[in-house]
Amino acid sequence: GLAVLAAAVGCFWLANRRARPIAELTRVADALASGDFSRRSTHAAADEIGGLARSIDTMADALQAQIARAARDKEDLSAILANMSEGVIATDRQRRIVLCNEAAATLLDFPRGSAPGHPLWEIVREEPVLKAASRALESGERVTAQVGPIGTRWVDIAACPLPGPNGPAGLVVVAHDAPEAV
């Protein structure tokens, strides 16, 4: 009886000792999955679990660096778009606006803050722009048009499909002041 009890306690202790680092790695992986890239494993043993812990920590470092790089790239893109005199609107495949700059809102006469997330046709009311966008997505080719007058100006636009693995992934519309109506 005493030997069975000692064996049971020993097995419990061993199982608990092996399960604790796995439970810790699960908590670290869950933290990474929820966006907490600062979490690291404390298991430093030279066994298989220690190797897995180091791999997860290395992966977390790489993800953290990629996310930081993506954030810097987004800031750079925002700064570039904000300082362009050309209007730029990017949409997804369903023509929902994913980004636009102030120049696009000014040139095509719409309130900029309302654009992201909305279909292009809800924001841009100029029929030639919408037709050019449709033709560019359907053909997979660049389409140009002149729009106006919008207020007192004429605007040249170019609608270009964004390449994707199965046809256009979206669309970029670039607008700029036309020197004169054609």
Protein backbone atom coordinates (compact mmCIF):
# COMPACT_ATOMS: atom_id res chain seq x y z
CA GLY A 1 0.00 0.00 0.00
CA LEU A 2 2.73 2.45 0.95
CA ALA A 3 4.72 1.64 -2.21
CA VAL A 4 1.63 2.30 -4.39
CA LEU A 5 1.03 5.61 -2.61
CA ALA A 6 4.70 6.60 -3.03
CA ALA A 7 4.54 5.63 -6.72
CA ALA A 8 1.35 7.65 -7.19
CA VAL A 9 2.87 10.72 -5.49
CA GLY A 10 6.03 10.30 -7.58
CA CYS A 11 4.05 10.02 -10.80
CA PHE A 12 1.97 13.07 -9.86
CA TRP A 13 5.12 15.06 -9.07
CA LEU A 14 6.79 14.04 -12.36
CA ALA A 15 3.67 14.74 -14.42
CA ASN A 16 3.23 18.13 -12.75
CA ARG A 17 6.90 18.96 -13.30
CA ARG A 18 6.63 18.16 -17.03
CA ALA A 19 3.23 19.86 -17.45
CA ARG A 20 4.16 23.18 -15.77
CA PRO A 21 6.47 24.39 -18.60
CA ILE A 22 3.90 23.31 -21.20
CA ALA A 23 1.21 25.28 -19.37
CA GLU A 24 3.57 28.27 -19.29
CA LEU A 25 4.25 27.97 -23.04
CA THR A 26 0.50 27.82 -23.63
CA ARG A 27 0.07 31.08 -21.68
CA VAL A 28 2.90 32.69 -23.68
CA ALA A 29 1.39 31.51 -26.98
CA ASP A 30 -2.06 32.79 -25.92
CA ALA A 31 -0.52 36.18 -25.04
CA LEU A 32 1.17 36.32 -28.46
CA ALA A 33 -2.08 35.38 -30.18
CA SER A 34 -3.82 38.28 -28.43
CA GLY A 35 -1.12 40.77 -29.45
CA ASP A 36 1.08 40.85 -26.34
CA PHE A 37 4.50 40.41 -27.94
CA SER A 38 6.38 41.31 -24.76
CA ARG A 39 5.59 37.98 -23.10
CA ARG A 40 8.47 35.49 -22.97
CA SER A 41 8.98 32.02 -21.53
CA THR A 42 11.04 31.53 -18.39
CA HIS A 43 11.76 27.87 -19.17
CA ALA A 44 15.47 27.75 -20.06
CA ALA A 45 16.20 24.02 -19.75
CA ALA A 46 18.22 22.31 -22.47
CA ASP A 47 15.46 19.80 -23.16
CA GLU A 48 12.84 19.70 -25.93
CA ILE A 49 10.47 22.00 -24.06
CA GLY A 50 13.31 24.49 -23.55
CA GLY A 51 14.01 24.37 -27.29
CA LEU A 52 10.34 24.99 -28.02
CA ALA A 53 10.34 27.89 -25.54
CA ARG A 54 13.36 29.49 -27.26
CA SER A 55 11.69 29.04 -30.66
CA ILE A 56 8.50 30.71 -29.43
CA ASP A 57 10.54 33.58 -27.95
CA THR A 58 12.43 33.99 -31.24
CA MET A 59 9.13 34.00 -33.14
CA ALA A 60 7.77 36.66 -30.76
CA ASP A 61 10.86 38.83 -31.36
CA ALA A 62 10.46 38.49 -35.14
CA LEU A 63 6.73 39.28 -35.00
CA GLN A 64 7.35 42.29 -32.78
CA ALA A 65 9.98 43.59 -35.24
CA GLN A 66 7.68 43.02 -38.25
CA ILE A 67 4.78 44.80 -36.57
CA ALA A 68 7.01 47.74 -35.65
CA ARG A 69 8.29 47.88 -39.25
CA ALA A 70 4.72 47.77 -40.60
CA ALA A 71 3.71 50.61 -38.25
CA ARG A 72 6.68 52.71 -39.46
CA ASP A 73 5.79 51.95 -43.09
CA LYS A 74 2.18 52.98 -42.46
CA GLU A 75 3.33 56.25 -40.88
CA ASP A 76 5.62 56.91 -43.86
CA LEU A 77 2.81 56.18 -46.32
CA SER A 78 0.43 58.46 -44.40
CA ALA A 79 3.00 61.27 -44.44
CA ILE A 80 3.58 60.85 -48.18
CA LEU A 81 -0.15 60.78 -48.98
CA ALA A 82 -0.85 63.79 -46.78
CA ASN A 83 1.75 65.88 -48.63
CA MET A 84 0.78 64.95 -52.19
CA SER A 85 -1.00 67.44 -54.42
CA GLU A 86 -2.53 64.52 -56.33
CA GLY A 87 -5.61 62.91 -54.88
CA VAL A 88 -5.28 59.20 -54.07
CA ILE A 89 -8.07 56.77 -53.24
CA ALA A 90 -7.42 53.05 -52.72
CA THR A 91 -10.25 50.52 -52.58
CA ASP A 92 -10.61 46.81 -52.05
CA ARG A 93 -12.06 44.47 -54.68
CA GLN A 94 -15.64 45.43 -53.72
CA ARG A 95 -14.70 49.10 -54.18
CA ARG A 96 -14.85 49.94 -50.47
CA ILE A 97 -12.44 52.78 -49.74
CA VAL A 98 -9.49 51.64 -47.61
CA LEU A 99 -7.58 54.92 -47.73
CA CYS A 100 -7.69 58.33 -49.28
CA ASN A 101 -5.86 61.58 -48.85
CA GLU A 102 -7.03 65.16 -48.33
CA ALA A 103 -6.19 66.09 -51.91
CA ALA A 104 -8.66 63.48 -53.23
CA ALA A 105 -11.38 64.89 -50.98
CA THR A 106 -10.61 68.42 -52.18
CA LEU A 107 -10.33 67.57 -55.89
CA LEU A 108 -13.41 65.32 -55.98
CA ASP A 109 -15.41 67.40 -53.47
CA PHE A 110 -16.22 64.99 -50.62
CA PRO A 111 -15.59 65.05 -46.85
CA ARG A 112 -12.39 63.03 -46.28
CA GLY A 113 -13.15 61.67 -42.82
CA SER A 114 -16.26 59.91 -44.05
CA ALA A 115 -14.56 57.94 -46.84
CA PRO A 116 -12.72 54.93 -45.34
CA GLY A 117 -14.92 51.85 -45.10
CA HIS A 118 -17.58 53.18 -47.45
CA PRO A 119 -18.22 52.12 -51.04
CA LEU A 120 -16.62 54.42 -53.60
CA TRP A 121 -20.04 55.23 -55.11
CA GLU A 122 -21.31 56.57 -51.76
CA ILE A 123 -18.44 59.04 -51.44
CA VAL A 124 -17.46 60.01 -54.98
CA ARG A 125 -20.50 61.32 -56.87
CA GLU A 126 -18.80 61.90 -60.21
CA GLU A 127 -20.08 59.33 -62.74
CA PRO A 128 -16.91 59.34 -64.92
CA VAL A 129 -14.81 58.35 -61.87
CA LEU A 130 -17.17 55.49 -61.02
CA LYS A 131 -17.25 54.27 -64.62
CA ALA A 132 -13.46 54.42 -64.89
CA ALA A 133 -13.16 52.46 -61.64
CA SER A 134 -15.55 49.77 -62.93
CA ARG A 135 -13.78 49.51 -66.28
CA ALA A 136 -10.35 49.26 -64.61
CA LEU A 137 -11.50 46.43 -62.33
CA GLU A 138 -13.25 44.58 -65.15
CA SER A 139 -10.44 44.95 -67.70
CA GLY A 140 -7.47 44.75 -65.34
CA GLU A 141 -6.05 47.76 -67.22
CA ARG A 142 -5.41 51.43 -66.40
CA VAL A 143 -8.35 53.67 -67.37
CA THR A 144 -8.20 57.46 -67.61
CA ALA A 145 -10.94 60.06 -67.70
CA GLN A 146 -11.53 63.76 -67.24
CA VAL A 147 -14.13 64.93 -64.75
CA GLY A 148 -15.71 68.29 -64.38
CA PRO A 149 -16.45 70.84 -63.83
CA ILE A 150 -16.27 70.17 -60.10
CA GLY A 151 -16.80 73.62 -58.70
CA THR A 152 -14.54 75.64 -60.97
CA ARG A 153 -12.00 72.94 -61.86
CA TRP A 154 -11.58 70.02 -64.20
CA VAL A 155 -9.85 66.92 -62.87
CA ASP A 156 -7.90 64.22 -64.71
CA ILE A 157 -8.18 60.80 -63.13
CA ALA A 158 -6.47 57.47 -63.64
CA ALA A 159 -7.99 54.29 -62.21
CA CYS A 160 -5.56 51.37 -61.93
CA PRO A 161 -6.26 47.86 -60.67
CA LEU A 162 -4.14 46.53 -57.82
CA PRO A 163 -2.84 43.09 -58.79
CA GLY A 164 -3.93 40.15 -56.68
CA PRO A 165 -3.51 36.38 -56.87
CA ASN A 166 -6.95 35.89 -58.52
CA GLY A 167 -7.43 39.06 -60.52
CA PRO A 168 -7.51 42.62 -59.20
CA ALA A 169 -7.32 42.87 -55.41
CA GLY A 170 -8.57 46.42 -55.47
CA LEU A 171 -8.17 49.73 -57.19
CA VAL A 172 -6.18 52.96 -56.95
CA VAL A 173 -7.70 56.16 -58.29
CA VAL A 174 -5.32 59.09 -58.76
CA ALA A 175 -6.75 62.55 -59.43
CA HIS A 176 -5.03 65.83 -60.31
CA ASP A 177 -5.99 69.23 -61.63
CA ALA A 178 -6.44 69.21 -65.38
CA PRO A 179 -4.70 72.05 -67.20
CA GLU A 180 -7.89 72.60 -69.22
CA ALA A 181 -11.06 70.78 -70.21
CA VAL A 182 -10.67 68.42 -73.15
